[in-house]
């Protein structure tokens, strides 16, 4: 899994003017790569409870979400596309990771994502 996250994930960052046209090849390629990385996130998180939680959170959140997915989400204009991307990422996260958290707090790896959701 580590090798896949570190070597197989690639989401290009193009200038906004280049990807604003959803029918452009660059925009379509960037979107395919994003959704491929979301699928990898969901697969990594499935290992929670089988391998150490710290390793799953490191691969899934620190490396995959914060390094690749969040950059794309932050560069997606506010609107339905951004909401859909955020919803899919949230759907990947195991509920048990949040059971012992106090109200208003989140996992340290999710601080930047949480701030984006609040905005």
C-alpha atoms as a PDB file:
ATOM      1  CA  UNK A   1       0.000   0.000   0.000  1.00  0.00           C
ATOM      2  CA  UNK A   2       2.812   2.368   0.875  1.00  0.00           C
ATOM      3  CA  UNK A   3       4.451   1.817  -2.501  1.00  0.00           C
ATOM      4  CA  UNK A   4       1.158   2.417  -4.278  1.00  0.00           C
ATOM      5  CA  UNK A   5       0.536   5.678  -2.398  1.00  0.00           C
ATOM      6  CA  UNK A   6       4.071   6.933  -2.905  1.00  0.00           C
ATOM      7  CA  UNK A   7       4.647   5.821  -6.502  1.00  0.00           C
ATOM      8  CA  UNK A   8       1.305   5.362  -8.258  1.00  0.00           C
ATOM      9  CA  UNK A   9      -0.648   8.431  -7.192  1.00  0.00           C
ATOM     10  CA  UNK A  10      -0.307  11.390  -9.505  1.00  0.00           C
ATOM     11  CA  UNK A  11      -2.759  14.271  -9.686  1.00  0.00           C
ATOM     12  CA  UNK A  12      -1.441  17.046 -11.909  1.00  0.00           C
ATOM     13  CA  UNK A  13      -2.056  20.625 -10.872  1.00  0.00           C
ATOM     14  CA  UNK A  14      -2.893  22.800 -13.838  1.00  0.00           C
ATOM     15  CA  UNK A  15      -3.640  26.520 -13.765  1.00  0.00           C
ATOM     16  CA  UNK A  16      -7.308  27.204 -13.020  1.00  0.00           C
ATOM     17  CA  UNK A  17      -7.754  28.765 -16.439  1.00  0.00           C
ATOM     18  CA  UNK A  18      -6.709  25.451 -17.997  1.00  0.00           C
ATOM     19  CA  UNK A  19      -9.146  23.252 -16.075  1.00  0.00           C
ATOM     20  CA  UNK A  20     -12.137  25.579 -15.882  1.00  0.00           C
ATOM     21  CA  UNK A  21     -13.302  24.041 -19.152  1.00  0.00           C
ATOM     22  CA  UNK A  22     -14.586  20.688 -17.883  1.00  0.00           C
ATOM     23  CA  UNK A  23     -14.479  19.274 -21.416  1.00  0.00           C
ATOM     24  CA  UNK A  24     -10.735  19.908 -21.821  1.00  0.00           C
ATOM     25  CA  UNK A  25      -8.426  16.906 -21.834  1.00  0.00           C
ATOM     26  CA  UNK A  26      -6.387  18.277 -18.946  1.00  0.00           C
ATOM     27  CA  UNK A  27      -9.467  18.772 -16.807  1.00  0.00           C
ATOM     28  CA  UNK A  28     -10.749  15.269 -17.555  1.00  0.00           C
ATOM     29  CA  UNK A  29      -7.347  13.726 -16.836  1.00  0.00           C
ATOM     30  CA  UNK A  30      -7.022  15.603 -13.542  1.00  0.00           C
ATOM     31  CA  UNK A  31     -10.510  14.486 -12.498  1.00  0.00           C
ATOM     32  CA  UNK A  32      -9.814  10.824 -13.359  1.00  0.00           C
ATOM     33  CA  UNK A  33      -6.603  10.908 -11.337  1.00  0.00           C
ATOM     34  CA  UNK A  34      -8.414  12.526  -8.390  1.00  0.00           C
ATOM     35  CA  UNK A  35     -11.155   9.884  -8.316  1.00  0.00           C
ATOM     36  CA  UNK A  36      -8.581   7.133  -8.684  1.00  0.00           C
ATOM     37  CA  UNK A  37      -6.814   8.491  -5.577  1.00  0.00           C
ATOM     38  CA  UNK A  38     -10.141   8.648  -3.686  1.00  0.00           C
ATOM     39  CA  UNK A  39     -10.689   4.975  -4.519  1.00  0.00           C
ATOM     40  CA  UNK A  40      -7.209   4.196  -3.225  1.00  0.00           C
ATOM     41  CA  UNK A  41      -8.029   6.105  -0.020  1.00  0.00           C
ATOM     42  CA  UNK A  42     -11.149   4.005   0.482  1.00  0.00           C
ATOM     43  CA  UNK A  43      -9.132   0.817  -0.093  1.00  0.00           C
ATOM     44  CA  UNK A  44      -6.379   1.872   2.331  1.00  0.00           C
ATOM     45  CA  UNK A  45      -8.917   2.692   5.026  1.00  0.00           C
ATOM     46  CA  UNK A  46     -10.507  -0.752   4.637  1.00  0.00           C
ATOM     47  CA  UNK A  47      -7.385  -2.137   6.319  1.00  0.00           C
ATOM     48  CA  UNK A  48      -8.276  -0.295   9.553  1.00  0.00           C
ATOM     49  CA  UNK A  49      -8.614  -2.874  12.295  1.00  0.00           C
ATOM     50  CA  UNK A  50      -6.428  -5.347  10.432  1.00  0.00           C
ATOM     51  CA  UNK A  51      -3.162  -3.430  10.511  1.00  0.00           C
ATOM     52  CA  UNK A  52      -2.152  -0.754  13.004  1.00  0.00           C
ATOM     53  CA  UNK A  53      -4.406   2.291  12.981  1.00  0.00           C
ATOM     54  CA  UNK A  54      -1.393   4.614  13.007  1.00  0.00           C
ATOM     55  CA  UNK A  55      -0.121   3.120   9.749  1.00  0.00           C
ATOM     56  CA  UNK A  56      -3.520   3.346   8.087  1.00  0.00           C
ATOM     57  CA  UNK A  57      -3.941   6.963   9.203  1.00  0.00           C
ATOM     58  CA  UNK A  58      -0.431   7.845   8.057  1.00  0.00           C
ATOM     59  CA  UNK A  59      -0.946   6.358   4.592  1.00  0.00           C
ATOM     60  CA  UNK A  60      -4.545   7.412   4.140  1.00  0.00           C
ATOM     61  CA  UNK A  61      -4.612  10.814   5.779  1.00  0.00           C
ATOM     62  CA  UNK A  62      -1.090  12.189   6.058  1.00  0.00           C
ATOM     63  CA  UNK A  63       0.176  10.950   2.726  1.00  0.00           C
ATOM     64  CA  UNK A  64      -2.822  10.483   0.445  1.00  0.00           C
ATOM     65  CA  UNK A  65      -5.361  13.037   1.656  1.00  0.00           C
ATOM     66  CA  UNK A  66      -3.030  15.837   2.724  1.00  0.00           C
ATOM     67  CA  UNK A  67      -0.421  15.376   0.014  1.00  0.00           C
ATOM     68  CA  UNK A  68      -2.621  14.780  -3.029  1.00  0.00           C
ATOM     69  CA  UNK A  69      -6.365  14.987  -2.557  1.00  0.00           C
ATOM     70  CA  UNK A  70      -6.540  18.147  -0.484  1.00  0.00           C
ATOM     71  CA  UNK A  71      -4.526  20.132  -3.030  1.00  0.00           C
ATOM     72  CA  UNK A  72      -7.024  19.231  -5.712  1.00  0.00           C
ATOM     73  CA  UNK A  73      -9.989  19.999  -3.457  1.00  0.00           C
ATOM     74  CA  UNK A  74      -8.554  23.390  -2.536  1.00  0.00           C
ATOM     75  CA  UNK A  75      -8.081  24.211  -6.226  1.00  0.00           C
ATOM     76  CA  UNK A  76     -11.634  23.195  -7.115  1.00  0.00           C
ATOM     77  CA  UNK A  77     -13.916  26.237  -7.234  1.00  0.00           C
ATOM     78  CA  UNK A  78     -16.637  26.368  -4.564  1.00  0.00           C
ATOM     79  CA  UNK A  79     -19.752  24.607  -5.754  1.00  0.00           C
ATOM     80  CA  UNK A  80     -21.267  21.207  -6.317  1.00  0.00           C
ATOM     81  CA  UNK A  81     -18.035  19.606  -7.598  1.00  0.00           C
ATOM     82  CA  UNK A  82     -16.178  20.649  -4.463  1.00  0.00           C
ATOM     83  CA  UNK A  83     -18.998  19.425  -2.215  1.00  0.00           C
ATOM     84  CA  UNK A  84     -19.084  16.069  -3.988  1.00  0.00           C
ATOM     85  CA  UNK A  85     -15.332  15.615  -3.595  1.00  0.00           C
ATOM     86  CA  UNK A  86     -15.473  16.465   0.114  1.00  0.00           C
ATOM     87  CA  UNK A  87     -18.435  14.140   0.678  1.00  0.00           C
ATOM     88  CA  UNK A  88     -16.629  11.225  -0.981  1.00  0.00           C
ATOM     89  CA  UNK A  89     -13.518  11.789   1.139  1.00  0.00           C
ATOM     90  CA  UNK A  90     -15.587  11.972   4.346  1.00  0.00           C
ATOM     91  CA  UNK A  91     -17.440   8.789   3.356  1.00  0.00           C
ATOM     92  CA  UNK A  92     -14.103   6.942   3.291  1.00  0.00           C
ATOM     93  CA  UNK A  93     -13.260   7.732   6.924  1.00  0.00           C
ATOM     94  CA  UNK A  94     -14.110   5.121   9.571  1.00  0.00           C
ATOM     95  CA  UNK A  95     -16.560   6.407  12.188  1.00  0.00           C
ATOM     96  CA  UNK A  96     -14.622   4.762  15.005  1.00  0.00           C
ATOM     97  CA  UNK A  97     -11.742   7.198  14.473  1.00  0.00           C
ATOM     98  CA  UNK A  98     -14.029   9.949  15.752  1.00  0.00           C
ATOM     99  CA  UNK A  99     -15.742   8.176  18.666  1.00  0.00           C
ATOM    100  CA  UNK A 100     -13.382   9.372  21.409  1.00  0.00           C
ATOM    101  CA  UNK A 101     -13.055  12.946  20.182  1.00  0.00           C
ATOM    102  CA  UNK A 102     -14.572  15.781  22.170  1.00  0.00           C
ATOM    103  CA  UNK A 103     -17.092  18.070  20.451  1.00  0.00           C
ATOM    104  CA  UNK A 104     -15.524  20.527  18.031  1.00  0.00           C
ATOM    105  CA  UNK A 105     -12.243  18.631  17.723  1.00  0.00           C
ATOM    106  CA  UNK A 106     -10.868  16.457  14.954  1.00  0.00           C
ATOM    107  CA  UNK A 107      -7.944  14.211  14.172  1.00  0.00           C
ATOM    108  CA  UNK A 108      -4.661  16.118  13.803  1.00  0.00           C
ATOM    109  CA  UNK A 109      -4.275  14.813  10.242  1.00  0.00           C
ATOM    110  CA  UNK A 110      -7.650  16.300   9.320  1.00  0.00           C
ATOM    111  CA  UNK A 111      -7.092  19.875  10.541  1.00  0.00           C
ATOM    112  CA  UNK A 112      -6.547  21.380   7.079  1.00  0.00           C
ATOM    113  CA  UNK A 113      -9.429  19.418   5.573  1.00  0.00           C
ATOM    114  CA  UNK A 114     -11.685  20.450   8.477  1.00  0.00           C
ATOM    115  CA  UNK A 115     -10.774  24.095   7.981  1.00  0.00           C
ATOM    116  CA  UNK A 116     -11.695  23.817   4.321  1.00  0.00           C
ATOM    117  CA  UNK A 117     -15.057  22.268   5.234  1.00  0.00           C
ATOM    118  CA  UNK A 118     -15.756  25.073   7.686  1.00  0.00           C
ATOM    119  CA  UNK A 119     -15.096  27.678   5.017  1.00  0.00           C
END
